[in-house]
Amino acid sequence: MRIFSTLLMLLFLNLGLSQDYSKELFVQNNDTLPYRMLLPKDYSPLKQYPMIVFLHGSGERGRDNEAQLVHGDWLFKTTDFKNNYPAIVIFPQCAKNKFWANRSALKSDHNGSYHFEGTLTQNTILDQLESLIEQLENTLSVNKKKIYIGGLSMGGMGTFEMVARNPTKFAAAFPICGGTNVRFASLMKDTPFWIFHGEADTVVPVTYSKEIYEALKALDAEVELTLYPEAGHDSWNNVFKEPGLMPWVFKHSR
């Protein structure tokens, strides 16, 4: 077992030196969760690193272990990020028949309307994701006080729900153009949030971000809301250019 662990760490070290996302598979209960992993420059098993989990939108679902990198992967490969924020970055991929959050959608001609469940009912993909995070904590040099989560659209919804399901796990969260049931605010109030949304979003109404922001604010939670007046559903393009995002994320610790 000790030899296997050593070989595993050497493998991770080699992957880190490649400075690209490795393709990984997490298998549990005869089901597979694909994910991509980026290790920090000069990764060492003798150090501890923060970990960021980023959840993609519904359009990137599948099992190709590629599509989840369409939006945002470049941000974590920049020289600035690698030099100033050495961290383990994880991009899991949700299957096409699953969803990062429990919700139903009622579409109209000009806007989206969502019903978010008021209870944290079973969600197999989130169960898998929780198990993956736990496995990575145990096999990599993860600083368990500095685990962060963010995501866009469906992934923004999943970001809220993952925090609600794990109220003491994440050091900070940054959901983009997402939403959740305001009943979960009491479960999320101890996790710092920076919420983003485009005010011209016709896919996921900005109302959802405004409502959960107000609910968290009423509980004296640490929460910020940034709205982009001209941005539509692709407000993640604005977010990825926010110079203060990574400094805000990494200043937080459990």
Protein backbone atom coordinates (compact mmCIF):
# COMPACT_ATOMS: atom_id res chain seq x y z
CA MET A 1 0.00 0.00 0.00
CA ARG A 2 2.85 2.40 0.83
CA ILE A 3 4.52 1.67 -2.53
CA PHE A 4 1.22 2.29 -4.33
CA SER A 5 0.74 5.61 -2.53
CA THR A 6 4.25 6.70 -3.47
CA LEU A 7 3.71 5.79 -7.11
CA LEU A 8 0.38 7.63 -7.05
CA MET A 9 2.02 10.79 -5.74
CA LEU A 10 4.74 10.56 -8.38
CA LEU A 11 2.05 10.26 -11.04
CA PHE A 12 0.32 13.38 -9.74
CA LEU A 13 3.66 15.18 -9.67
CA ASN A 14 4.28 14.33 -13.31
CA LEU A 15 0.81 15.49 -14.24
CA GLY A 16 1.46 18.78 -12.48
CA LEU A 17 4.63 19.32 -14.49
CA SER A 18 2.62 19.03 -17.72
CA GLN A 19 0.73 22.19 -16.77
CA ASP A 20 -2.42 21.00 -18.52
CA TYR A 21 -5.64 19.39 -17.39
CA SER A 22 -5.32 15.65 -16.97
CA LYS A 23 -8.26 13.39 -17.84
CA GLU A 24 -9.57 11.50 -14.84
CA LEU A 25 -12.47 9.18 -14.00
CA PHE A 26 -14.11 8.72 -10.62
CA VAL A 27 -15.99 5.41 -10.37
CA GLN A 28 -18.52 4.75 -7.64
CA ASN A 29 -21.40 2.27 -7.43
CA ASN A 30 -20.98 1.24 -11.07
CA ASP A 31 -21.30 4.87 -12.20
CA THR A 32 -18.53 7.09 -13.56
CA LEU A 33 -17.95 10.79 -13.05
CA PRO A 34 -15.46 12.21 -15.57
CA TYR A 35 -13.36 15.13 -14.42
CA ARG A 36 -10.38 17.17 -15.50
CA MET A 37 -7.67 18.11 -13.05
CA LEU A 38 -5.03 20.82 -13.12
CA LEU A 39 -2.26 20.64 -10.54
CA PRO A 40 -0.23 23.68 -9.50
CA LYS A 41 3.16 24.40 -10.97
CA ASP A 42 5.86 22.44 -9.16
CA TYR A 43 3.26 20.41 -7.29
CA SER A 44 4.77 18.76 -4.23
CA PRO A 45 3.07 16.17 -2.00
CA LEU A 46 4.98 17.77 0.87
CA LYS A 47 2.92 20.96 0.62
CA GLN A 48 -0.79 21.63 1.03
CA TYR A 49 -2.75 23.43 -1.68
CA PRO A 50 -6.17 25.08 -1.95
CA MET A 51 -8.64 23.34 -4.24
CA ILE A 52 -11.18 24.91 -6.60
CA VAL A 53 -14.13 22.92 -7.91
CA PHE A 54 -15.78 24.49 -10.96
CA LEU A 55 -19.19 23.36 -12.25
CA HIS A 56 -20.09 23.82 -15.92
CA GLY A 57 -23.47 24.68 -17.46
CA SER A 58 -26.12 22.38 -18.91
CA GLY A 59 -24.79 22.70 -22.47
CA GLU A 60 -21.53 21.05 -21.49
CA ARG A 61 -23.05 17.88 -20.03
CA GLY A 62 -21.92 14.52 -21.36
CA ARG A 63 -19.21 11.92 -20.93
CA ASP A 64 -16.54 13.10 -23.36
CA ASN A 65 -14.50 14.66 -20.53
CA GLU A 66 -13.89 17.63 -22.82
CA ALA A 67 -16.91 19.91 -22.99
CA GLN A 68 -16.74 21.03 -19.36
CA LEU A 69 -13.58 22.99 -20.21
CA VAL A 70 -15.32 25.18 -22.80
CA HIS A 71 -15.86 28.07 -20.37
CA GLY A 72 -13.25 29.21 -17.90
CA ASP A 73 -10.51 26.61 -18.12
CA TRP A 74 -8.03 29.20 -19.43
CA LEU A 75 -8.42 31.34 -16.31
CA PHE A 76 -6.61 28.80 -14.17
CA LYS A 77 -3.80 28.33 -16.68
CA THR A 78 -2.74 31.97 -16.82
CA THR A 79 0.71 32.91 -15.59
CA ASP A 80 -0.84 35.20 -12.98
CA PHE A 81 -2.96 32.41 -11.52
CA LYS A 82 -0.21 29.80 -11.57
CA ASN A 83 2.32 32.11 -9.93
CA ASN A 84 0.08 33.80 -7.38
CA TYR A 85 -2.59 31.23 -6.57
CA PRO A 86 -1.08 27.73 -6.72
CA ALA A 87 -4.10 25.45 -6.38
CA ILE A 88 -5.60 22.17 -7.48
CA VAL A 89 -8.40 22.85 -9.98
CA ILE A 90 -11.16 20.35 -10.69
CA PHE A 91 -13.69 20.46 -13.57
CA PRO A 92 -16.16 17.56 -13.14
CA GLN A 93 -18.60 16.71 -15.96
CA CYS A 94 -22.28 16.09 -15.34
CA ALA A 95 -24.06 13.41 -17.42
CA LYS A 96 -26.66 14.57 -19.94
CA ASN A 97 -29.56 13.06 -18.02
CA LYS A 98 -28.54 14.69 -14.72
CA PHE A 99 -28.38 18.18 -13.25
CA TRP A 100 -26.12 19.84 -10.69
CA ALA A 101 -29.17 21.03 -8.70
CA ASN A 102 -32.73 19.89 -7.99
CA ARG A 103 -34.97 22.10 -10.06
CA SER A 104 -37.60 22.06 -12.80
CA ALA A 105 -37.78 24.56 -15.65
CA LEU A 106 -40.80 26.24 -17.17
CA LYS A 107 -39.77 28.04 -20.35
CA SER A 108 -41.57 31.00 -21.87
CA ASP A 109 -40.90 32.73 -25.19
CA HIS A 110 -38.68 35.43 -23.77
CA ASN A 111 -37.48 34.23 -20.40
CA GLY A 112 -36.74 31.19 -18.29
CA SER A 113 -38.68 30.34 -15.18
CA TYR A 114 -37.38 27.80 -12.67
CA HIS A 115 -38.88 26.06 -9.69
CA PHE A 116 -36.24 25.24 -7.10
CA GLU A 117 -37.06 22.46 -4.68
CA GLY A 118 -37.42 23.64 -1.09
CA THR A 119 -35.85 20.51 0.37
CA LEU A 120 -32.49 18.89 -0.29
CA THR A 121 -33.78 15.74 -1.93
CA GLN A 122 -31.47 13.02 -3.25
CA ASN A 123 -29.25 14.02 -6.16
CA THR A 124 -26.98 11.21 -7.36
CA ILE A 125 -24.60 13.45 -9.32
CA LEU A 126 -24.04 15.68 -6.28
CA ASP A 127 -23.54 12.56 -4.15
CA GLN A 128 -20.82 11.50 -6.58
CA LEU A 129 -19.26 14.94 -6.55
CA GLU A 130 -19.14 14.97 -2.76
CA SER A 131 -17.43 11.56 -2.81
CA LEU A 132 -14.94 12.75 -5.44
CA ILE A 133 -14.01 15.77 -3.34
CA GLU A 134 -13.52 13.54 -0.32
CA GLN A 135 -11.31 11.17 -2.29
CA LEU A 136 -9.16 14.04 -3.58
CA GLU A 137 -8.80 15.36 -0.04
CA ASN A 138 -7.43 11.98 0.97
CA THR A 139 -5.14 11.31 -2.01
CA LEU A 140 -3.78 14.76 -2.84
CA SER A 141 -2.12 17.42 -0.73
CA VAL A 142 -5.28 19.46 -0.21
CA ASN A 143 -5.61 22.21 2.36
CA LYS A 144 -9.02 21.24 3.73
CA LYS A 145 -9.56 24.74 5.07
CA LYS A 146 -9.28 26.21 1.58
CA ILE A 147 -11.71 24.34 -0.66
CA TYR A 148 -13.67 26.64 -2.98
CA ILE A 149 -16.54 26.11 -5.39
CA GLY A 150 -17.93 28.08 -8.30
CA GLY A 151 -19.92 27.50 -11.44
CA LEU A 152 -22.01 29.02 -14.19
CA SER A 153 -25.69 28.67 -15.11
CA MET A 154 -26.61 25.10 -14.09
CA GLY A 155 -23.25 25.08 -12.33
CA GLY A 156 -24.17 28.28 -10.52
CA MET A 157 -27.29 26.55 -9.26
CA GLY A 158 -25.17 23.57 -8.28
CA THR A 159 -22.76 25.84 -6.42
CA PHE A 160 -25.57 27.07 -4.18
CA GLU A 161 -26.88 23.56 -3.61
CA MET A 162 -23.47 22.05 -2.88
CA VAL A 163 -22.92 24.66 -0.18
CA ALA A 164 -26.38 24.06 1.24
CA ARG A 165 -25.67 20.31 1.35
CA ASN A 166 -22.22 20.86 2.86
CA PRO A 167 -22.50 24.00 5.02
CA THR A 168 -19.07 23.58 6.64
CA LYS A 169 -17.08 22.33 3.64
CA PHE A 170 -16.32 25.32 1.41
CA ALA A 171 -14.27 28.37 2.33
CA ALA A 172 -15.95 30.54 -0.35
CA ALA A 173 -18.31 30.23 -3.32
CA PHE A 174 -18.83 32.19 -6.55
CA PRO A 175 -22.02 31.26 -8.46
CA ILE A 176 -22.52 32.86 -11.88
CA CYS A 177 -25.97 33.36 -13.46
CA GLY A 178 -27.51 30.74 -11.22
CA GLY A 179 -30.15 30.59 -8.52
CA THR A 180 -31.56 28.55 -5.67
CA ASN A 181 -34.41 28.37 -3.20
CA VAL A 182 -34.15 31.15 -0.62
CA ARG A 183 -35.07 28.60 2.06
CA PHE A 184 -31.48 27.37 1.85
CA ALA A 185 -30.07 30.72 2.95
CA SER A 186 -29.82 29.59 6.58
CA LEU A 187 -27.66 26.64 5.47
CA MET A 188 -25.38 28.86 3.37
CA LYS A 189 -24.99 31.86 5.66
CA ASP A 190 -21.62 30.78 7.06
CA THR A 191 -19.99 30.47 3.63
CA PRO A 192 -18.84 33.70 1.94
CA PHE A 193 -20.52 34.24 -1.44
CA TRP A 194 -19.77 36.48 -4.39
CA ILE A 195 -22.77 36.22 -6.69
CA PHE A 196 -22.69 37.33 -10.35
CA HIS A 197 -25.44 37.82 -12.93
CA GLY A 198 -26.19 39.67 -16.16
CA GLU A 199 -29.26 41.88 -15.89
CA ALA A 200 -30.17 41.16 -19.53
CA ASP A 201 -30.15 37.38 -18.94
CA THR A 202 -33.11 35.77 -20.73
CA VAL A 203 -32.19 32.19 -19.82
CA VAL A 204 -31.88 32.38 -16.04
CA PRO A 205 -33.59 35.53 -14.70
CA VAL A 206 -31.43 37.84 -12.61
CA THR A 207 -34.23 37.81 -10.02
CA TYR A 208 -32.93 34.54 -8.62
CA SER A 209 -29.52 35.97 -7.77
CA LYS A 210 -31.09 39.09 -6.30
CA GLU A 211 -33.45 37.08 -4.11
CA ILE A 212 -30.82 34.80 -2.59
CA TYR A 213 -28.50 37.78 -2.11
CA GLU A 214 -31.20 39.58 -0.09
CA ALA A 215 -31.95 36.43 1.89
CA LEU A 216 -28.29 35.96 2.80
CA LYS A 217 -27.85 39.65 3.57
CA ALA A 218 -30.80 39.49 5.96
CA LEU A 219 -28.90 36.80 7.88
CA ASP A 220 -25.77 38.99 8.11
CA ALA A 221 -23.90 36.61 5.83
CA GLU A 222 -20.73 37.68 4.02
CA VAL A 223 -22.15 38.09 0.52
CA GLU A 224 -21.53 40.32 -2.48
CA LEU A 225 -23.62 40.74 -5.61
CA THR A 226 -22.22 42.04 -8.91
CA LEU A 227 -24.65 42.73 -11.75
CA TYR A 228 -23.69 43.50 -15.34
CA PRO A 229 -26.40 45.75 -16.88
CA GLU A 230 -25.62 44.89 -20.51
CA ALA A 231 -24.71 41.22 -20.09
CA GLY A 232 -26.98 38.37 -21.06
CA HIS A 233 -26.65 34.76 -19.99
CA ASP A 234 -22.95 34.69 -20.88
CA SER A 235 -22.05 36.97 -17.97
CA TRP A 236 -19.28 34.50 -17.11
CA ASN A 237 -17.17 36.31 -19.71
CA ASN A 238 -17.36 39.40 -17.52
CA VAL A 239 -16.69 37.43 -14.35
CA PHE A 240 -13.55 35.76 -15.70
CA LYS A 241 -12.12 39.26 -16.30
CA GLU A 242 -12.83 40.46 -12.75
CA PRO A 243 -9.39 41.38 -11.35
CA GLY A 244 -10.64 41.03 -7.79
CA LEU A 245 -12.17 37.56 -8.10
CA MET A 246 -9.18 35.37 -7.28
CA PRO A 247 -7.85 37.64 -4.51
CA TRP A 248 -11.34 37.52 -2.96
CA VAL A 249 -11.59 33.74 -3.26
CA PHE A 250 -8.17 32.91 -1.84
CA LYS A 251 -8.32 35.28 1.10
CA HIS A 252 -10.96 33.04 2.67
CA SER A 253 -10.27 30.07 4.88
CA ARG A 254 -12.41 27.81 7.04
